[in-house]
């Protein structure tokens, strides 16, 4: 950045000097460029698809949510040089959570499910006007290694400069867009790494059978985009 500023000032000074005899016209010269961070590549096993297969109608509760098993995906991030990054999730099926009216500013809605209260969940899409269900997506606590070293999950909200340790590695929040990163044990400063490995966990639930049209097939259609944020 300093090099670009010095070049710009030099050019402006030269233009000002040579422009003195002729005041009728001027030109602008811009010196621009972009310094890019070290490239990192994220990978998720199975092409990022969590498949619950065929779910029998007879297995669904009539007037309660039907929880499904937790699924796991392998997560890896490879960087050309030690780099600090965070994960940020975007909900591609907004306002479709079963058990809630609308999502919060963080992209998730709070639902009582999986024997927990006020859990941030995102939706499985719509079948017509019917809300199919919802799911939670986390980076599994205790699963992450950065360059072979155990690290702690930390998080903040977009725009914040401080980080908080703890939580369950959840990628969503209801009140603000969340970022998840990792720190050396006992610290809350994001750690730079070249290779990170861990597990993504996804657990879905199906809406009450009484609120679905089960005279025809219903397709679960949840979708989350996970973005790498360079810190």
Foldseek 3Di string as FASTA:
>chain_A
DVVQVVVQVVVVVVQVVVCVVPVPDGDDDHDDDDDDDFDKDKDKPPRPDDDPDDDDPVQFAQAFKAWDDKDKIKIKMATPDFFFKWKWKAWPAFQQAPQDRGFAAQRFFFHCDPPRGGDTWHFQHDDVPFRWHTKWKFFAAQFKDFVNHTWFKWKDFPPDDWIGTDDGRTNTDRHGTMIIATDHPPDGDHTTGRMMITMMMMIIITHRSNRDDPPDDDDGHTDMDMDMGTD
